[in-house]
Protein backbone atom coordinates (compact mmCIF):
# COMPACT_ATOMS: atom_id res chain seq x y z
CA MET A 1 96.32 -5.57 32.58
CA PHE A 2 94.34 -3.01 34.58
CA GLU A 3 91.00 -1.76 33.38
CA ASP A 4 91.09 2.04 33.07
CA LEU A 5 88.91 2.92 36.07
CA ARG A 6 88.76 6.59 35.08
CA LYS A 7 86.45 5.88 32.17
CA PRO A 8 82.68 6.07 32.77
CA GLY A 9 80.64 2.88 32.53
CA GLY A 10 82.10 -0.57 32.91
CA LYS A 11 81.74 -2.58 36.09
CA LEU A 12 80.41 -0.96 39.23
CA LYS A 13 83.28 0.05 41.49
CA LEU A 14 82.91 -0.84 45.18
CA ALA A 15 85.14 0.83 47.78
CA VAL A 16 86.07 -1.76 50.42
CA PRO A 17 87.55 -0.74 53.79
CA ARG A 18 90.88 -2.17 54.86
CA GLY A 19 91.52 -2.82 58.55
CA ALA A 20 89.17 -4.24 61.15
CA LEU A 21 86.14 -4.47 58.85
CA LEU A 22 87.90 -6.11 55.90
CA GLU A 23 87.39 -9.79 56.74
CA GLU A 24 83.72 -9.29 57.63
CA VAL A 25 83.16 -7.32 54.43
CA LEU A 26 84.83 -9.98 52.28
CA ASP A 27 82.85 -12.75 53.96
CA LEU A 28 79.65 -10.81 53.28
CA LEU A 29 80.61 -10.27 49.64
CA ASP A 30 81.26 -14.02 49.34
CA LYS A 31 77.75 -14.74 50.61
CA ALA A 32 76.39 -12.35 48.00
CA GLY A 33 78.21 -14.22 45.23
CA ILE A 34 80.99 -11.72 44.67
CA GLU A 35 84.54 -12.91 43.98
CA THR A 36 86.96 -11.93 46.78
CA SER A 37 89.91 -14.31 46.48
CA GLY A 38 92.22 -11.64 45.04
CA ALA A 39 91.54 -9.24 47.89
CA ARG A 40 92.22 -11.95 50.49
CA GLY A 41 95.84 -12.56 49.53
CA ASP A 42 98.95 -10.67 50.59
CA SER A 43 99.12 -8.64 47.39
CA ARG A 44 99.88 -4.95 47.74
CA SER A 45 97.51 -4.19 44.90
CA LEU A 46 94.64 -1.87 45.79
CA VAL A 47 92.27 -2.89 42.96
CA PHE A 48 90.82 -6.38 42.51
CA ASP A 49 88.50 -8.19 40.13
CA GLY A 50 85.29 -9.03 41.96
CA GLY A 51 83.64 -10.77 39.02
CA ASP A 52 80.76 -8.46 38.16
CA LEU A 53 82.30 -5.71 40.34
CA THR A 54 85.66 -4.00 40.69
CA LEU A 55 86.81 -3.93 44.33
CA ILE A 56 88.92 -0.95 45.42
CA THR A 57 90.50 -1.23 48.86
CA MET A 58 91.22 1.82 51.00
CA ARG A 59 91.14 3.22 54.53
CA PRO A 60 87.57 3.30 55.93
CA SER A 61 87.84 7.06 56.42
CA ASP A 62 88.54 7.51 52.68
CA VAL A 63 85.40 5.70 51.51
CA PRO A 64 83.05 8.74 51.68
CA THR A 65 85.62 10.83 49.77
CA TYR A 66 85.87 8.38 46.87
CA VAL A 67 82.14 7.63 46.74
CA SER A 68 80.95 11.24 47.01
CA ALA A 69 83.37 12.25 44.23
CA GLY A 70 82.25 9.41 41.95
CA ALA A 71 85.65 7.66 41.92
CA ALA A 72 83.74 4.68 43.35
CA ASP A 73 80.06 3.97 42.66
CA LEU A 74 79.47 2.37 46.04
CA GLY A 75 81.33 1.82 49.28
CA ILE A 76 81.19 0.12 52.65
CA THR A 77 82.23 1.92 55.81
CA GLY A 78 81.12 2.48 59.40
CA LYS A 79 78.28 4.76 60.44
CA ASP A 80 80.80 6.62 62.62
CA VAL A 81 82.78 7.58 59.51
CA LEU A 82 79.63 8.76 57.74
CA LEU A 83 78.59 10.91 60.69
CA GLU A 84 82.06 12.39 61.07
CA GLN A 85 82.08 13.22 57.33
CA SER A 86 78.46 14.27 56.97
CA ASP A 87 79.58 17.04 54.60
CA ARG A 88 80.35 14.40 51.96
CA PRO A 89 77.00 13.65 50.28
CA VAL A 90 76.30 9.95 49.69
CA TYR A 91 73.16 7.81 49.76
CA GLU A 92 73.05 5.34 52.66
CA LEU A 93 71.40 2.21 51.28
CA VAL A 94 71.76 -0.69 53.74
CA ASP A 95 72.73 -1.21 57.36
CA LEU A 96 74.86 -4.34 56.93
CA GLY A 97 75.08 -4.99 60.65
CA ILE A 98 78.80 -5.80 60.52
CA GLY A 99 81.54 -4.47 62.79
CA PRO A 100 79.24 -3.34 65.62
CA CYS A 101 80.85 -0.88 68.00
CA ARG A 102 80.02 2.14 70.19
CA MET A 103 81.21 5.72 70.37
CA VAL A 104 81.72 6.54 74.04
CA LEU A 105 82.98 9.12 76.49
CA ALA A 106 85.53 7.49 78.78
CA THR A 107 87.60 8.71 81.72
CA GLN A 108 90.06 7.16 84.15
CA LYS A 109 88.56 4.75 86.66
CA GLY A 110 87.78 6.44 89.94
CA ASP A 111 87.44 9.94 88.47
CA VAL A 112 84.31 11.92 89.33
CA ALA A 113 81.49 11.78 86.78
CA PRO A 114 82.03 14.06 83.77
CA SER A 115 78.99 16.16 84.70
CA GLU A 116 80.36 16.66 88.22
CA HIS A 117 83.79 17.51 86.83
CA GLN A 118 82.23 20.19 84.63
CA ARG A 119 80.20 21.56 87.53
CA ARG A 120 83.37 21.99 89.59
CA LEU A 121 85.76 23.23 86.92
CA GLY A 122 83.45 24.69 84.27
CA MET A 123 84.98 22.86 81.30
CA MET A 124 86.44 19.46 80.43
CA LYS A 125 89.27 18.81 78.00
CA ILE A 126 88.41 15.86 75.73
CA ALA A 127 90.76 14.09 73.33
CA THR A 128 89.23 12.51 70.24
CA LYS A 129 89.70 11.41 66.66
CA TYR A 130 86.04 12.26 66.02
CA LYS A 131 85.94 16.00 66.51
CA ARG A 132 82.67 16.69 64.67
CA ILE A 133 80.73 13.92 66.39
CA ALA A 134 82.04 14.97 69.80
CA GLU A 135 81.30 18.63 69.13
CA ARG A 136 77.70 17.88 68.12
CA TYR A 137 77.17 15.62 71.13
CA PHE A 138 78.32 18.18 73.70
CA ASP A 139 76.68 21.13 71.92
CA GLN A 140 73.31 19.37 71.90
CA ARG A 141 73.60 18.97 75.66
CA GLY A 142 74.79 22.49 76.30
CA ARG A 143 78.07 21.28 77.76
CA GLN A 144 81.29 23.23 77.28
CA VAL A 145 84.36 21.20 76.40
CA GLU A 146 87.73 21.85 74.85
CA LEU A 147 88.39 19.26 72.15
CA VAL A 148 91.92 18.07 71.44
CA GLU A 149 92.33 16.20 68.15
CA VAL A 150 94.56 13.13 68.51
CA LYS A 151 95.42 10.71 65.70
CA GLY A 152 97.33 7.95 67.50
CA SER A 153 96.70 5.95 70.68
CA ILE A 154 94.00 8.10 72.18
CA GLU A 155 93.88 6.15 75.46
CA LEU A 156 97.19 7.79 76.37
CA ALA A 157 95.71 11.30 76.61
CA PRO A 158 94.04 11.07 80.06
CA LEU A 159 96.87 8.95 81.46
CA VAL A 160 99.48 11.69 80.99
CA GLY A 161 97.23 14.69 81.62
CA LEU A 162 96.66 15.86 78.04
CA ALA A 163 92.89 15.51 78.55
CA ASP A 164 90.32 14.71 81.22
CA GLY A 165 88.64 12.08 79.05
CA ILE A 166 88.32 10.72 75.55
CA VAL A 167 85.61 10.23 72.95
CA ASP A 168 86.44 7.11 70.95
CA LEU A 169 85.07 4.04 69.22
CA VAL A 170 85.09 0.79 71.21
CA ALA A 171 84.08 -2.77 70.40
CA THR A 172 84.80 -4.93 73.45
CA GLY A 173 86.15 -2.22 75.76
CA ARG A 174 89.27 -4.30 76.46
CA THR A 175 91.72 -1.57 75.42
CA LEU A 176 89.99 0.89 77.75
CA ALA A 177 90.16 -1.52 80.66
CA GLU A 178 93.83 -2.29 80.05
CA ASN A 179 94.57 1.45 80.27
CA ASN A 180 92.56 2.05 83.46
CA LEU A 181 89.72 3.76 81.60
CA GLU A 182 85.98 3.17 81.85
CA VAL A 183 82.94 4.13 79.79
CA ARG A 184 80.99 6.99 81.35
CA GLU A 185 78.53 7.88 78.57
CA GLU A 186 77.47 6.20 75.32
CA ILE A 187 77.21 8.61 72.39
CA LEU A 188 76.10 6.38 69.51
CA SER A 189 76.29 2.88 68.08
CA SER A 190 77.88 2.11 64.73
CA THR A 191 77.76 -0.69 62.15
CA GLY A 192 78.98 -1.05 58.58
CA ARG A 193 76.82 0.63 55.93
CA LEU A 194 76.53 0.35 52.14
CA VAL A 195 76.56 3.79 50.53
CA ALA A 196 76.25 4.97 46.94
CA ASN A 197 77.31 7.92 44.84
CA ARG A 198 74.27 10.04 44.07
CA VAL A 199 74.86 10.21 40.32
CA SER A 200 75.65 6.50 40.05
CA TYR A 201 72.44 5.76 41.94
CA ARG A 202 70.39 7.78 39.46
CA ILE A 203 71.90 6.55 36.22
CA ARG A 204 72.67 2.93 37.25
CA ARG A 205 69.87 2.44 39.73
CA GLU A 206 68.89 -1.05 38.62
CA GLU A 207 72.47 -2.35 39.09
CA VAL A 208 72.93 -0.52 42.39
CA ASP A 209 69.59 -1.72 43.77
CA SER A 210 70.40 -5.27 42.72
CA LEU A 211 73.70 -5.22 44.61
CA ALA A 212 72.08 -3.57 47.63
CA SER A 213 69.43 -6.31 47.69
CA ARG A 214 72.06 -9.06 47.46
CA LEU A 215 74.09 -7.59 50.30
CA SER A 216 71.00 -6.90 52.40
CA GLU A 217 69.86 -10.51 52.00
CA ALA A 218 73.36 -11.83 52.77
CA SER A 219 73.65 -9.74 55.91
CA GLY A 220 70.07 -9.66 57.12
CA GLY A 221 70.57 -5.88 57.15
CA ASP A 222 67.99 -3.10 56.99
CA PRO A 223 67.49 -1.21 53.73
CA GLY A 224 68.15 2.51 54.14
CA THR A 225 66.42 5.39 52.41
CA ALA A 226 68.02 6.64 49.21
């Protein structure tokens, strides 16, 4: 029988990202002594008993929404997600060091450098899933671009002429290479972070700090500033 997660109190609720980070997150939770067997199966359930925690699985991009609203006390997601959703206030507690990747500007191999392209044509068209990050990056450098928001396979955009380049997250760069794209500029690096709801941090600070310490020790991560 499900615990009513809408009621205040009870176990701390930890938002866990599905997808590429999931296995690394579950391995890290194991090292910190948190039960993860339920979340490792093929169940379609979204809520799992983590022993002294309740694990709630969701898309990484939804973690700041649930944590900032207090529907989860804590969450784990990438720094890229936190930067893209900087309007959702959460406390960043620990850099867990998992899922390392880079946000880059990439164009087709053989194209002129982006700066030269802009000098000739005045403006580049850039496809991205990370519109806010891209906008800040180009604004800070005084470069004019037209941003095209794309949700699916972003590598397609420069291949068919939708955009001159892309801003996207890469790990190994293999997908770029297989689509005749190459990294031209690195925008930022990203790793998984532990974040907390501001109210939960104030009223359940001892519990939150204890979990943050366990995860920091398990990961060798760097404590953030709450």
